[in-house]
PDB file of N, CA and C in Angstrom:
ATOM      1  N   UNK A   1     -40.560  71.094 -53.417  1.00  0.00           N
ATOM      2  CA  UNK A   1     -41.901  70.815 -52.956  1.00  0.00           C
ATOM      3  C   UNK A   1     -42.895  71.056 -54.083  1.00  0.00           C
ATOM      4  N   UNK A   2     -43.855  70.206 -54.084  1.00  0.00           N
ATOM      5  CA  UNK A   2     -44.849  70.329 -55.139  1.00  0.00           C
ATOM      6  C   UNK A   2     -46.035  71.151 -54.646  1.00  0.00           C
ATOM      7  N   UNK A   3     -46.919  71.432 -55.534  1.00  0.00           N
ATOM      8  CA  UNK A   3     -48.083  72.263 -55.230  1.00  0.00           C
ATOM      9  C   UNK A   3     -49.003  71.617 -54.223  1.00  0.00           C
ATOM     10  N   UNK A   4     -49.156  70.309 -54.271  1.00  0.00           N
ATOM     11  CA  UNK A   4     -50.028  69.637 -53.317  1.00  0.00           C
ATOM     12  C   UNK A   4     -49.417  69.621 -51.933  1.00  0.00           C
ATOM     13  N   UNK A   5     -48.083  69.560 -51.886  1.00  0.00           N
ATOM     14  CA  UNK A   5     -47.427  69.577 -50.581  1.00  0.00           C
ATOM     15  C   UNK A   5     -47.601  70.945 -49.929  1.00  0.00           C
ATOM     16  N   UNK A   6     -47.501  72.017 -50.749  1.00  0.00           N
ATOM     17  CA  UNK A   6     -47.740  73.355 -50.211  1.00  0.00           C
ATOM     18  C   UNK A   6     -49.197  73.512 -49.765  1.00  0.00           C
ATOM     19  N   UNK A   7     -50.104  72.977 -50.523  1.00  0.00           N
ATOM     20  CA  UNK A   7     -51.538  73.049 -50.169  1.00  0.00           C
ATOM     21  C   UNK A   7     -51.796  72.354 -48.843  1.00  0.00           C
ATOM     22  N   UNK A   8     -51.194  71.181 -48.664  1.00  0.00           N
ATOM     23  CA  UNK A   8     -51.367  70.443 -47.416  1.00  0.00           C
ATOM     24  C   UNK A   8     -50.733  71.201 -46.266  1.00  0.00           C
ATOM     25  N   UNK A   9     -49.535  71.763 -46.519  1.00  0.00           N
ATOM     26  CA  UNK A   9     -48.846  72.529 -45.490  1.00  0.00           C
ATOM     27  C   UNK A   9     -49.657  73.756 -45.097  1.00  0.00           C
ATOM     28  N   UNK A  10     -50.230  74.455 -46.084  1.00  0.00           N
ATOM     29  CA  UNK A  10     -51.053  75.653 -45.801  1.00  0.00           C
ATOM     30  C   UNK A  10     -52.307  75.253 -45.020  1.00  0.00           C
ATOM     31  N   UNK A  11     -52.928  74.144 -45.407  1.00  0.00           N
ATOM     32  CA  UNK A  11     -54.115  73.677 -44.688  1.00  0.00           C
ATOM     33  C   UNK A  11     -53.765  73.318 -43.245  1.00  0.00           C
ATOM     34  N   UNK A  12     -52.618  72.679 -43.045  1.00  0.00           N
ATOM     35  CA  UNK A  12     -52.190  72.326 -41.695  1.00  0.00           C
ATOM     36  C   UNK A  12     -51.927  73.580 -40.850  1.00  0.00           C
ATOM     37  N   UNK A  13     -51.257  74.564 -41.478  1.00  0.00           N
ATOM     38  CA  UNK A  13     -50.969  75.815 -40.764  1.00  0.00           C
ATOM     39  C   UNK A  13     -52.278  76.546 -40.439  1.00  0.00           C
ATOM     40  N   UNK A  14     -53.175  76.634 -41.392  1.00  0.00           N
ATOM     41  CA  UNK A  14     -54.462  77.303 -41.157  1.00  0.00           C
ATOM     42  C   UNK A  14     -55.288  76.559 -40.102  1.00  0.00           C
ATOM     43  N   UNK A  15     -55.255  75.252 -40.146  1.00  0.00           N
ATOM     44  CA  UNK A  15     -55.953  74.451 -39.123  1.00  0.00           C
ATOM     45  C   UNK A  15     -55.375  74.715 -37.747  1.00  0.00           C
ATOM     46  N   UNK A  16     -54.042  74.768 -37.651  1.00  0.00           N
ATOM     47  CA  UNK A  16     -53.385  75.048 -36.369  1.00  0.00           C
ATOM     48  C   UNK A  16     -53.729  76.434 -35.863  1.00  0.00           C
ATOM     49  N   UNK A  17     -53.705  77.432 -36.792  1.00  0.00           N
ATOM     50  CA  UNK A  17     -54.059  78.805 -36.404  1.00  0.00           C
ATOM     51  C   UNK A  17     -55.516  78.857 -35.948  1.00  0.00           C
ATOM     52  N   UNK A  18     -56.393  78.140 -36.629  1.00  0.00           N
ATOM     53  CA  UNK A  18     -57.816  78.105 -36.240  1.00  0.00           C
ATOM     54  C   UNK A  18     -57.989  77.522 -34.851  1.00  0.00           C
ATOM     55  N   UNK A  19     -57.285  76.412 -34.607  1.00  0.00           N
ATOM     56  CA  UNK A  19     -57.374  75.789 -33.282  1.00  0.00           C
ATOM     57  C   UNK A  19     -56.795  76.719 -32.224  1.00  0.00           C
ATOM     58  N   UNK A  20     -55.691  77.426 -32.567  1.00  0.00           N
ATOM     59  CA  UNK A  20     -55.098  78.390 -31.645  1.00  0.00           C
ATOM     60  C   UNK A  20     -56.085  79.498 -31.325  1.00  0.00           C
ATOM     61  N   UNK A  21     -56.797  80.005 -32.348  1.00  0.00           N
ATOM     62  CA  UNK A  21     -57.788  81.067 -32.136  1.00  0.00           C
ATOM     63  C   UNK A  21     -58.953  80.568 -31.281  1.00  0.00           C
ATOM     64  N   UNK A  22     -59.395  79.333 -31.508  1.00  0.00           N
ATOM     65  CA  UNK A  22     -60.461  78.757 -30.673  1.00  0.00           C
ATOM     66  C   UNK A  22     -59.981  78.668 -29.231  1.00  0.00           C
ATOM     67  N   UNK A  23     -58.742  78.229 -29.010  1.00  0.00           N
ATOM     68  CA  UNK A  23     -58.176  78.137 -27.664  1.00  0.00           C
ATOM     69  C   UNK A  23     -58.091  79.499 -27.002  1.00  0.00           C
ATOM     70  N   UNK A  24     -57.654  80.518 -27.774  1.00  0.00           N
ATOM     71  CA  UNK A  24     -57.586  81.879 -27.227  1.00  0.00           C
ATOM     72  C   UNK A  24     -58.997  82.372 -26.867  1.00  0.00           C
ATOM     73  N   UNK A  25     -59.984  82.079 -27.706  1.00  0.00           N
ATOM     74  CA  UNK A  25     -61.374  82.468 -27.433  1.00  0.00           C
ATOM     75  C   UNK A  25     -61.899  81.814 -26.160  1.00  0.00           C
ATOM     76  N   UNK A  26     -61.608  80.532 -26.004  1.00  0.00           N
ATOM     77  CA  UNK A  26     -62.032  79.831 -24.787  1.00  0.00           C
ATOM     78  C   UNK A  26     -61.338  80.437 -23.567  1.00  0.00           C
ATOM     79  N   UNK A  27     -60.056  80.769 -23.708  1.00  0.00           N
ATOM     80  CA  UNK A  27     -59.303  81.371 -22.606  1.00  0.00           C
ATOM     81  C   UNK A  27     -59.905  82.724 -22.206  1.00  0.00           C
ATOM     82  N   UNK A  28     -60.198  83.578 -23.194  1.00  0.00           N
ATOM     83  CA  UNK A  28     -60.785  84.894 -22.924  1.00  0.00           C
ATOM     84  C   UNK A  28     -62.179  84.731 -22.301  1.00  0.00           C
ATOM     85  N   UNK A  29     -62.950  83.799 -22.841  1.00  0.00           N
ATOM     86  CA  UNK A  29     -64.290  83.536 -22.261  1.00  0.00           C
ATOM     87  C   UNK A  29     -64.183  83.065 -20.827  1.00  0.00           C
ATOM     88  N   UNK A  30     -63.232  82.217 -20.532  1.00  0.00           N
ATOM     89  CA  UNK A  30     -63.040  81.718 -19.171  1.00  0.00           C
ATOM     90  C   UNK A  30     -62.623  82.843 -18.230  1.00  0.00           C
ATOM     91  N   UNK A  31     -61.750  83.749 -18.709  1.00  0.00           N
ATOM     92  CA  UNK A  31     -61.362  84.894 -17.875  1.00  0.00           C
ATOM     93  C   UNK A  31     -62.567  85.786 -17.568  1.00  0.00           C
ATOM     94  N   UNK A  32     -63.378  86.032 -18.576  1.00  0.00           N
ATOM     95  CA  UNK A  32     -64.580  86.853 -18.388  1.00  0.00           C
ATOM     96  C   UNK A  32     -65.537  86.181 -17.408  1.00  0.00           C
ATOM     97  N   UNK A  33     -65.727  84.888 -17.573  1.00  0.00           N
ATOM     98  CA  UNK A  33     -66.598  84.143 -16.667  1.00  0.00           C
ATOM     99  C   UNK A  33     -66.052  84.181 -15.237  1.00  0.00           C
ATOM    100  N   UNK A  34     -64.751  84.054 -15.083  1.00  0.00           N
ATOM    101  CA  UNK A  34     -64.129  84.104 -13.759  1.00  0.00           C
ATOM    102  C   UNK A  34     -64.357  85.469 -13.112  1.00  0.00           C
ATOM    103  N   UNK A  35     -64.241  86.563 -13.891  1.00  0.00           N
ATOM    104  CA  UNK A  35     -64.483  87.896 -13.349  1.00  0.00           C
ATOM    105  C   UNK A  35     -65.938  88.047 -12.893  1.00  0.00           C
ATOM    106  N   UNK A  36     -66.867  87.562 -13.715  1.00  0.00           N
ATOM    107  CA  UNK A  36     -68.296  87.674 -13.377  1.00  0.00           C
ATOM    108  C   UNK A  36     -68.631  86.825 -12.151  1.00  0.00           C
ATOM    109  N   UNK A  37     -68.069  85.632 -12.073  1.00  0.00           N
ATOM    110  CA  UNK A  37     -68.314  84.785 -10.914  1.00  0.00           C
ATOM    111  C   UNK A  37     -67.716  85.398  -9.652  1.00  0.00           C
ATOM    112  N   UNK A  38     -66.597  86.100  -9.807  1.00  0.00           N
ATOM    113  CA  UNK A  38     -65.992  86.784  -8.663  1.00  0.00           C
ATOM    114  C   UNK A  38     -66.918  87.891  -8.157  1.00  0.00           C
ATOM    115  N   UNK A  39     -67.518  88.658  -9.085  1.00  0.00           N
ATOM    116  CA  UNK A  39     -68.484  89.695  -8.707  1.00  0.00           C
ATOM    117  C   UNK A  39     -69.708  89.063  -8.039  1.00  0.00           C
ATOM    118  N   UNK A  40     -70.159  87.952  -8.598  1.00  0.00           N
ATOM    119  CA  UNK A  40     -71.316  87.249  -8.056  1.00  0.00           C
ATOM    120  C   UNK A  40     -71.028  86.758  -6.631  1.00  0.00           C
ATOM    121  N   UNK A  41     -69.827  86.235  -6.425  1.00  0.00           N
ATOM    122  CA  UNK A  41     -69.437  85.768  -5.098  1.00  0.00           C
ATOM    123  C   UNK A  41     -69.398  86.939  -4.107  1.00  0.00           C
ATOM    124  N   UNK A  42     -68.886  88.086  -4.558  1.00  0.00           N
ATOM    125  CA  UNK A  42     -68.850  89.269  -3.692  1.00  0.00           C
ATOM    126  C   UNK A  42     -70.275  89.704  -3.335  1.00  0.00           C
ATOM    127  N   UNK A  43     -71.173  89.644  -4.303  1.00  0.00           N
ATOM    128  CA  UNK A  43     -72.572  90.001  -4.046  1.00  0.00           C
ATOM    129  C   UNK A  43     -73.198  89.035  -3.050  1.00  0.00           C
ATOM    130  N   UNK A  44     -72.950  87.758  -3.231  1.00  0.00           N
ATOM    131  CA  UNK A  44     -73.484  86.762  -2.291  1.00  0.00           C
ATOM    132  C   UNK A  44     -72.911  86.940  -0.893  1.00  0.00           C
ATOM    133  N   UNK A  45     -71.639  87.290  -0.803  1.00  0.00           N
ATOM    134  CA  UNK A  45     -71.026  87.550   0.502  1.00  0.00           C
ATOM    135  C   UNK A  45     -71.701  88.738   1.187  1.00  0.00           C
ATOM    136  N   UNK A  46     -72.012  89.780   0.415  1.00  0.00           N
ATOM    137  CA  UNK A  46     -72.679  90.953   0.967  1.00  0.00           C
ATOM    138  C   UNK A  46     -74.094  90.601   1.432  1.00  0.00           C
ATOM    139  N   UNK A  47     -74.806  89.824   0.647  1.00  0.00           N
ATOM    140  CA  UNK A  47     -76.164  89.403   1.033  1.00  0.00           C
ATOM    141  C   UNK A  47     -76.099  88.568   2.306  1.00  0.00           C
ATOM    142  N   UNK A  48     -75.137  87.677   2.387  1.00  0.00           N
ATOM    143  CA  UNK A  48     -74.973  86.852   3.596  1.00  0.00           C
ATOM    144  C   UNK A  48     -74.674  87.725   4.809  1.00  0.00           C
ATOM    145  N   UNK A  49     -73.842  88.727   4.641  1.00  0.00           N
ATOM    146  CA  UNK A  49     -73.517  89.635   5.738  1.00  0.00           C
ATOM    147  C   UNK A  49     -74.768  90.382   6.202  1.00  0.00           C
ATOM    148  N   UNK A  50     -75.562  90.869   5.248  1.00  0.00           N
ATOM    149  CA  UNK A  50     -76.775  91.601   5.606  1.00  0.00           C
ATOM    150  C   UNK A  50     -77.790  90.697   6.297  1.00  0.00           C
ATOM    151  N   UNK A  51     -77.903  89.463   5.833  1.00  0.00           N
ATOM    152  CA  UNK A  51     -78.818  88.515   6.479  1.00  0.00           C
ATOM    153  C   UNK A  51     -78.354  88.226   7.899  1.00  0.00           C
ATOM    154  N   UNK A  52     -77.040  88.084   8.070  1.00  0.00           N
ATOM    155  CA  UNK A  52     -76.503  87.858   9.418  1.00  0.00           C
ATOM    156  C   UNK A  52     -76.804  89.041  10.342  1.00  0.00           C
ATOM    157  N   UNK A  53     -76.795  90.252   9.797  1.00  0.00           N
ATOM    158  CA  UNK A  53     -77.078  91.442  10.609  1.00  0.00           C
ATOM    159  C   UNK A  53     -78.529  91.482  11.074  1.00  0.00           C
ATOM    160  N   UNK A  54     -79.460  91.060  10.230  1.00  0.00           N
ATOM    161  CA  UNK A  54     -80.874  91.142  10.607  1.00  0.00           C
ATOM    162  C   UNK A  54     -81.378  89.878  11.296  1.00  0.00           C
ATOM    163  N   UNK A  55     -80.558  88.841  11.335  1.00  0.00           N
ATOM    164  CA  UNK A  55     -80.998  87.582  11.950  1.00  0.00           C
ATOM    165  C   UNK A  55     -81.367  87.794  13.423  1.00  0.00           C
ATOM    166  N   UNK A  56     -80.539  88.519  14.162  1.00  0.00           N
ATOM    167  CA  UNK A  56     -80.799  88.750  15.593  1.00  0.00           C
ATOM    168  C   UNK A  56     -82.097  89.496  15.839  1.00  0.00           C
ATOM    169  N   UNK A  57     -82.288  90.677  15.220  1.00  0.00           N
ATOM    170  CA  UNK A  57     -83.548  91.395  15.442  1.00  0.00           C
ATOM    171  C   UNK A  57     -84.783  90.605  15.002  1.00  0.00           C
ATOM    172  N   UNK A  58     -84.671  89.888  13.895  1.00  0.00           N
ATOM    173  CA  UNK A  58     -85.824  89.100  13.427  1.00  0.00           C
ATOM    174  C   UNK A  58     -86.135  87.991  14.427  1.00  0.00           C
ATOM    175  N   UNK A  59     -85.102  87.343  14.950  1.00  0.00           N
ATOM    176  CA  UNK A  59     -85.307  86.284  15.936  1.00  0.00           C
ATOM    177  C   UNK A  59     -85.948  86.850  17.197  1.00  0.00           C
ATOM    178  N   UNK A  60     -85.477  88.013  17.650  1.00  0.00           N
ATOM    179  CA  UNK A  60     -86.070  88.646  18.831  1.00  0.00           C
ATOM    180  C   UNK A  60     -87.527  89.026  18.590  1.00  0.00           C
ATOM    181  N   UNK A  61     -87.807  89.562  17.404  1.00  0.00           N
ATOM    182  CA  UNK A  61     -89.185  89.946  17.073  1.00  0.00           C
ATOM    183  C   UNK A  61     -90.089  88.724  17.060  1.00  0.00           C
ATOM    184  N   UNK A  62     -89.617  87.650  16.452  1.00  0.00           N
ATOM    185  CA  UNK A  62     -90.435  86.434  16.418  1.00  0.00           C
ATOM    186  C   UNK A  62     -90.649  85.858  17.818  1.00  0.00           C
ATOM    187  N   UNK A  63     -89.653  85.988  18.687  1.00  0.00           N
ATOM    188  CA  UNK A  63     -89.811  85.528  20.068  1.00  0.00           C
ATOM    189  C   UNK A  63     -90.873  86.362  20.781  1.00  0.00           C
ATOM    190  N   UNK A  64     -90.862  87.681  20.550  1.00  0.00           N
ATOM    191  CA  UNK A  64     -91.872  88.555  21.159  1.00  0.00           C
ATOM    192  C   UNK A  64     -93.269  88.219  20.633  1.00  0.00           C
ATOM    193  N   UNK A  65     -93.367  87.983  19.327  1.00  0.00           N
ATOM    194  CA  UNK A  65     -94.659  87.624  18.730  1.00  0.00           C
ATOM    195  C   UNK A  65     -95.157  86.313  19.335  1.00  0.00           C
ATOM    196  N   UNK A  66     -94.252  85.370  19.554  1.00  0.00           N
ATOM    197  CA  UNK A  66     -94.626  84.102  20.171  1.00  0.00           C
ATOM    198  C   UNK A  66     -95.155  84.320  21.583  1.00  0.00           C
ATOM    199  N   UNK A  67     -94.477  85.189  22.349  1.00  0.00           N
ATOM    200  CA  UNK A  67     -94.936  85.485  23.707  1.00  0.00           C
ATOM    201  C   UNK A  67     -96.328  86.113  23.683  1.00  0.00           C
ATOM    202  N   UNK A  68     -96.537  87.065  22.767  1.00  0.00           N
ATOM    203  CA  UNK A  68     -97.842  87.724  22.662  1.00  0.00           C
ATOM    204  C   UNK A  68     -98.911  86.713  22.267  1.00  0.00           C
ATOM    205  N   UNK A  69     -98.589  85.839  21.327  1.00  0.00           N
ATOM    206  CA  UNK A  69     -99.560  84.833  20.889  1.00  0.00           C
ATOM    207  C   UNK A  69     -99.931  83.900  22.038  1.00  0.00           C
ATOM    208  N   UNK A  70     -98.941  83.510  22.832  1.00  0.00           N
ATOM    209  CA  UNK A  70     -99.223  82.648  23.985  1.00  0.00           C
ATOM    210  C   UNK A  70    -100.074  83.391  25.010  1.00  0.00           C
ATOM    211  N   UNK A  71     -99.798  84.669  25.205  1.00  0.00           N
ATOM    212  CA  UNK A  71    -100.579  85.475  26.144  1.00  0.00           C
ATOM    213  C   UNK A  71    -102.021  85.609  25.663  1.00  0.00           C
ATOM    214  N   UNK A  72    -102.193  85.862  24.376  1.00  0.00           N
ATOM    215  CA  UNK A  72    -103.544  85.974  23.812  1.00  0.00           C
ATOM    216  C   UNK A  72    -104.267  84.637  23.935  1.00  0.00           C
ATOM    217  N   UNK A  73    -103.558  83.567  23.675  1.00  0.00           N
ATOM    218  CA  UNK A  73    -104.165  82.240  23.783  1.00  0.00           C
ATOM    219  C   UNK A  73    -104.613  81.972  25.217  1.00  0.00           C
ATOM    220  N   UNK A  74    -103.769  82.346  26.174  1.00  0.00           N
ATOM    221  CA  UNK A  74    -104.114  82.172  27.594  1.00  0.00           C
ATOM    222  C   UNK A  74    -105.327  83.018  27.960  1.00  0.00           C
ATOM    223  N   UNK A  75    -105.364  84.259  27.464  1.00  0.00           N
ATOM    224  CA  UNK A  75    -106.487  85.151  27.756  1.00  0.00           C
ATOM    225  C   UNK A  75    -107.782  84.600  27.153  1.00  0.00           C
ATOM    226  N   UNK A  76    -107.700  84.138  25.927  1.00  0.00           N
ATOM    227  CA  UNK A  76    -108.888  83.575  25.267  1.00  0.00           C
ATOM    228  C   UNK A  76    -109.367  82.338  26.019  1.00  0.00           C
ATOM    229  N   UNK A  77    -108.424  81.517  26.482  1.00  0.00           N
ATOM    230  CA  UNK A  77    -108.797  80.331  27.254  1.00  0.00           C
ATOM    231  C   UNK A  77    -109.497  80.730  28.543  1.00  0.00           C
ATOM    232  N   UNK A  78    -108.959  81.756  29.224  1.00  0.00           N
ATOM    233  CA  UNK A  78    -109.578  82.233  30.468  1.00  0.00           C
ATOM    234  C   UNK A  78    -110.977  82.786  30.212  1.00  0.00           C
ATOM    235  N   UNK A  79    -111.139  83.551  29.144  1.00  0.00           N
ATOM    236  CA  UNK A  79    -112.451  84.107  28.802  1.00  0.00           C
ATOM    237  C   UNK A  79    -113.429  82.989  28.482  1.00  0.00           C
ATOM    238  N   UNK A  80    -112.956  81.984  27.779  1.00  0.00           N
ATOM    239  CA  UNK A  80    -113.813  80.845  27.442  1.00  0.00           C
ATOM    240  C   UNK A  80    -114.251  80.107  28.699  1.00  0.00           C
ATOM    241  N   UNK A  81    -113.328  79.901  29.626  1.00  0.00           N
ATOM    242  CA  UNK A  81    -113.679  79.238  30.886  1.00  0.00           C
ATOM    243  C   UNK A  81    -114.670  80.084  31.684  1.00  0.00           C
ATOM    244  N   UNK A  82    -114.449  81.393  31.697  1.00  0.00           N
ATOM    245  CA  UNK A  82    -115.363  82.284  32.406  1.00  0.00           C
ATOM    246  C   UNK A  82    -116.755  82.235  31.781  1.00  0.00           C
ATOM    247  N   UNK A  83    -116.809  82.210  30.457  1.00  0.00           N
ATOM    248  CA  UNK A  83    -118.103  82.130  29.778  1.00  0.00           C
ATOM    249  C   UNK A  83    -118.803  80.812  30.110  1.00  0.00           C
ATOM    250  N   UNK A  84    -118.044  79.720  30.133  1.00  0.00           N
ATOM    251  CA  UNK A  84    -118.636  78.422  30.481  1.00  0.00           C
ATOM    252  C   UNK A  84    -119.162  78.433  31.913  1.00  0.00           C
ATOM    253  N   UNK A  85    -118.359  78.993  32.838  1.00  0.00           N
ATOM    254  CA  UNK A  85    -118.805  79.064  34.235  1.00  0.00           C
ATOM    255  C   UNK A  85    -120.042  79.948  34.387  1.00  0.00           C
ATOM    256  N   UNK A  86    -120.058  81.066  33.681  1.00  0.00           N
ATOM    257  CA  UNK A  86    -121.208  81.972  33.733  1.00  0.00           C
ATOM    258  C   UNK A  86    -122.450  81.282  33.190  1.00  0.00           C
ATOM    259  N   UNK A  87    -122.286  80.581  32.090  1.00  0.00           N
ATOM    260  CA  UNK A  87    -123.416  79.855  31.491  1.00  0.00           C
ATOM    261  C   UNK A  87    -123.929  78.800  32.463  1.00  0.00           C
ATOM    262  N   UNK A  88    -122.995  78.079  33.077  1.00  0.00           N
ATOM    263  CA  UNK A  88    -123.378  77.036  34.022  1.00  0.00           C
ATOM    264  C   UNK A  88    -124.106  77.632  35.231  1.00  0.00           C
ATOM    265  N   UNK A  89    -123.664  78.808  35.673  1.00  0.00           N
ATOM    266  CA  UNK A  89    -124.275  79.434  36.845  1.00  0.00           C
ATOM    267  C   UNK A  89    -125.606  80.096  36.518  1.00  0.00           C
ATOM    268  N   UNK A  90    -125.721  80.712  35.350  1.00  0.00           N
ATOM    269  CA  UNK A  90    -126.898  81.515  35.021  1.00  0.00           C
ATOM    270  C   UNK A  90    -128.043  80.666  34.473  1.00  0.00           C
ATOM    271  N   UNK A  91    -127.749  79.606  33.755  1.00  0.00           N
ATOM    272  CA  UNK A  91    -128.797  78.816  33.110  1.00  0.00           C
ATOM    273  C   UNK A  91    -129.824  78.285  34.110  1.00  0.00           C
ATOM    274  N   UNK A  92    -129.426  77.642  35.225  1.00  0.00           N
ATOM    275  CA  UNK A  92    -130.449  77.176  36.171  1.00  0.00           C
ATOM    276  C   UNK A  92    -131.263  78.326  36.771  1.00  0.00           C
ATOM    277  N   UNK A  93    -130.625  79.464  36.973  1.00  0.00           N
ATOM    278  CA  UNK A  93    -131.329  80.623  37.533  1.00  0.00           C
ATOM    279  C   UNK A  93    -132.403  81.103  36.563  1.00  0.00           C
ATOM    280  N   UNK A  94    -132.065  81.177  35.286  1.00  0.00           N
ATOM    281  CA  UNK A  94    -133.033  81.620  34.276  1.00  0.00           C
ATOM    282  C   UNK A  94    -134.192  80.632  34.205  1.00  0.00           C
ATOM    283  N   UNK A  95    -133.883  79.346  34.283  1.00  0.00           N
ATOM    284  CA  UNK A  95    -134.939  78.328  34.244  1.00  0.00           C
ATOM    285  C   UNK A  95    -135.841  78.460  35.471  1.00  0.00           C
ATOM    286  N   UNK A  96    -135.216  78.687  36.628  1.00  0.00           N
ATOM    287  CA  UNK A  96    -136.014  78.857  37.852  1.00  0.00           C
ATOM    288  C   UNK A  96    -136.881  80.113  37.787  1.00  0.00           C
ATOM    289  N   UNK A  97    -136.331  81.213  37.281  1.00  0.00           N
ATOM    290  CA  UNK A  97    -137.109  82.451  37.145  1.00  0.00           C
ATOM    291  C   UNK A  97    -138.261  82.226  36.170  1.00  0.00           C
ATOM    292  N   UNK A  98    -137.984  81.526  35.068  1.00  0.00           N
ATOM    293  CA  UNK A  98    -139.044  81.234  34.098  1.00  0.00           C
ATOM    294  C   UNK A  98    -140.143  80.389  34.708  1.00  0.00           C
ATOM    295  N   UNK A  99    -139.748  79.377  35.484  1.00  0.00           N
ATOM    296  CA  UNK A  99    -140.748  78.522  36.139  1.00  0.00           C
ATOM    297  C   UNK A  99    -141.549  79.326  37.153  1.00  0.00           C
ATOM    298  N   UNK A 100    -140.871  80.195  37.888  1.00  0.00           N
ATOM    299  CA  UNK A 100    -141.569  81.027  38.880  1.00  0.00           C
ATOM    300  C   UNK A 100    -142.546  81.968  38.196  1.00  0.00           C
ATOM    301  N   UNK A 101    -142.129  82.579  37.078  1.00  0.00           N
ATOM    302  CA  UNK A 101    -143.036  83.485  36.339  1.00  0.00           C
ATOM    303  C   UNK A 101    -144.224  82.721  35.777  1.00  0.00           C
ATOM    304  N   UNK A 102    -143.996  81.497  35.320  1.00  0.00           N
ATOM    305  CA  UNK A 102    -145.093  80.692  34.796  1.00  0.00           C
ATOM    306  C   UNK A 102    -146.092  80.379  35.903  1.00  0.00           C
ATOM    307  N   UNK A 103    -145.540  80.007  37.067  1.00  0.00           N
ATOM    308  CA  UNK A 103    -146.429  79.718  38.201  1.00  0.00           C
ATOM    309  C   UNK A 103    -147.174  80.957  38.667  1.00  0.00           C
ATOM    310  N   UNK A 104    -146.490  82.079  38.737  1.00  0.00           N
ATOM    311  CA  UNK A 104    -147.117  83.336  39.143  1.00  0.00           C
ATOM    312  C   UNK A 104    -148.194  83.744  38.157  1.00  0.00           C
ATOM    313  N   UNK A 105    -147.903  83.585  36.862  1.00  0.00           N
ATOM    314  CA  UNK A 105    -148.870  83.923  35.827  1.00  0.00           C
ATOM    315  C   UNK A 105    -150.104  83.038  35.942  1.00  0.00           C
ATOM    316  N   UNK A 106    -149.891  81.760  36.163  1.00  0.00           N
ATOM    317  CA  UNK A 106    -151.029  80.844  36.294  1.00  0.00           C
ATOM    318  C   UNK A 106    -151.844  81.186  37.543  1.00  0.00           C
ATOM    319  N   UNK A 107    -151.133  81.527  38.635  1.00  0.00           N
ATOM    320  CA  UNK A 107    -151.856  81.889  39.874  1.00  0.00           C
ATOM    321  C   UNK A 107    -152.663  83.159  39.707  1.00  0.00           C
ATOM    322  N   UNK A 108    -152.090  84.153  39.055  1.00  0.00           N
ATOM    323  CA  UNK A 108    -152.821  85.402  38.809  1.00  0.00           C
ATOM    324  C   UNK A 108    -154.015  85.158  37.897  1.00  0.00           C
ATOM    325  N   UNK A 109    -153.844  84.311  36.896  1.00  0.00           N
ATOM    326  CA  UNK A 109    -154.939  84.013  35.977  1.00  0.00           C
ATOM    327  C   UNK A 109    -156.093  83.362  36.737  1.00  0.00           C
ATOM    328  N   UNK A 110    -155.768  82.432  37.614  1.00  0.00           N
ATOM    329  CA  UNK A 110    -156.806  81.780  38.413  1.00  0.00           C
ATOM    330  C   UNK A 110    -157.481  82.786  39.344  1.00  0.00           C
ATOM    331  N   UNK A 111    -156.680  83.666  39.904  1.00  0.00           N
ATOM    332  CA  UNK A 111    -157.216  84.659  40.827  1.00  0.00           C
ATOM    333  C   UNK A 111    -158.147  85.617  40.097  1.00  0.00           C
ATOM    334  N   UNK A 112    -157.758  86.063  38.917  1.00  0.00           N
ATOM    335  CA  UNK A 112    -158.536  87.040  38.175  1.00  0.00           C
ATOM    336  C   UNK A 112    -159.765  86.386  37.549  1.00  0.00           C
ATOM    337  N   UNK A 113    -159.578  85.252  36.926  1.00  0.00           N
ATOM    338  CA  UNK A 113    -160.696  84.624  36.208  1.00  0.00           C
ATOM    339  C   UNK A 113    -161.464  83.669  37.093  1.00  0.00           C
ATOM    340  N   UNK A 114    -160.840  83.195  38.088  1.00  0.00           N
ATOM    341  CA  UNK A 114    -161.505  82.234  38.969  1.00  0.00           C
ATOM    342  C   UNK A 114    -161.537  80.861  38.337  1.00  0.00           C
ATOM    343  N   UNK A 115    -160.796  80.631  37.263  1.00  0.00           N
ATOM    344  CA  UNK A 115    -160.787  79.351  36.575  1.00  0.00           C
ATOM    345  C   UNK A 115    -159.413  78.723  36.693  1.00  0.00           C
ATOM    346  N   UNK A 116    -159.405  77.446  36.637  1.00  0.00           N
ATOM    347  CA  UNK A 116    -158.145  76.703  36.595  1.00  0.00           C
ATOM    348  C   UNK A 116    -157.749  76.523  35.142  1.00  0.00           C
ATOM    349  N   UNK A 117    -156.514  76.633  34.836  1.00  0.00           N
ATOM    350  CA  UNK A 117    -156.051  76.529  33.443  1.00  0.00           C
ATOM    351  C   UNK A 117    -156.266  75.121  32.903  1.00  0.00           C
ATOM    352  N   UNK A 118    -156.147  74.109  33.751  1.00  0.00           N
ATOM    353  CA  UNK A 118    -156.256  72.736  33.302  1.00  0.00           C
ATOM    354  C   UNK A 118    -157.693  72.225  33.341  1.00  0.00           C
ATOM    355  N   UNK A 119    -158.547  72.878  34.076  1.00  0.00           N
ATOM    356  CA  UNK A 119    -159.911  72.345  34.234  1.00  0.00           C
ATOM    357  C   UNK A 119    -160.781  72.667  33.038  1.00  0.00           C
ATOM    358  N   UNK A 120    -160.451  73.666  32.267  1.00  0.00           N
ATOM    359  CA  UNK A 120    -161.223  73.999  31.088  1.00  0.00           C
ATOM    360  C   UNK A 120    -162.521  74.673  31.432  1.00  0.00           C
ATOM    361  N   UNK A 121    -162.685  75.205  32.645  1.00  0.00           N
ATOM    362  CA  UNK A 121    -163.943  75.843  33.066  1.00  0.00           C
ATOM    363  C   UNK A 121    -164.136  77.173  32.460  1.00  0.00           C
TER     364      UNK A 121
END
């Protein structure tokens, strides 16, 4: 064998060893990634379990809040209707009392002064 043949053979062997080392590196990296993903999956499983545990109480709480909100809405509606009815009932009475006071005031003024408000006397 000549010197160039040995050089080519050494380059081929070194190239093969390099590729082997790259393959081993990829293999080790893949094993490490698999271990980390396994831990991640275990963590996600635990989070899912905890969420499943609190799902029931949270759903019950939200149902209670919904009931309270509907009750408050009903109460507010009733109060609003009562206020409207009160306004409808009281407004004519206030107007009538005001008209009566105006008439009484005008009558007293005429009685005291002896003058009519419209006559300008």
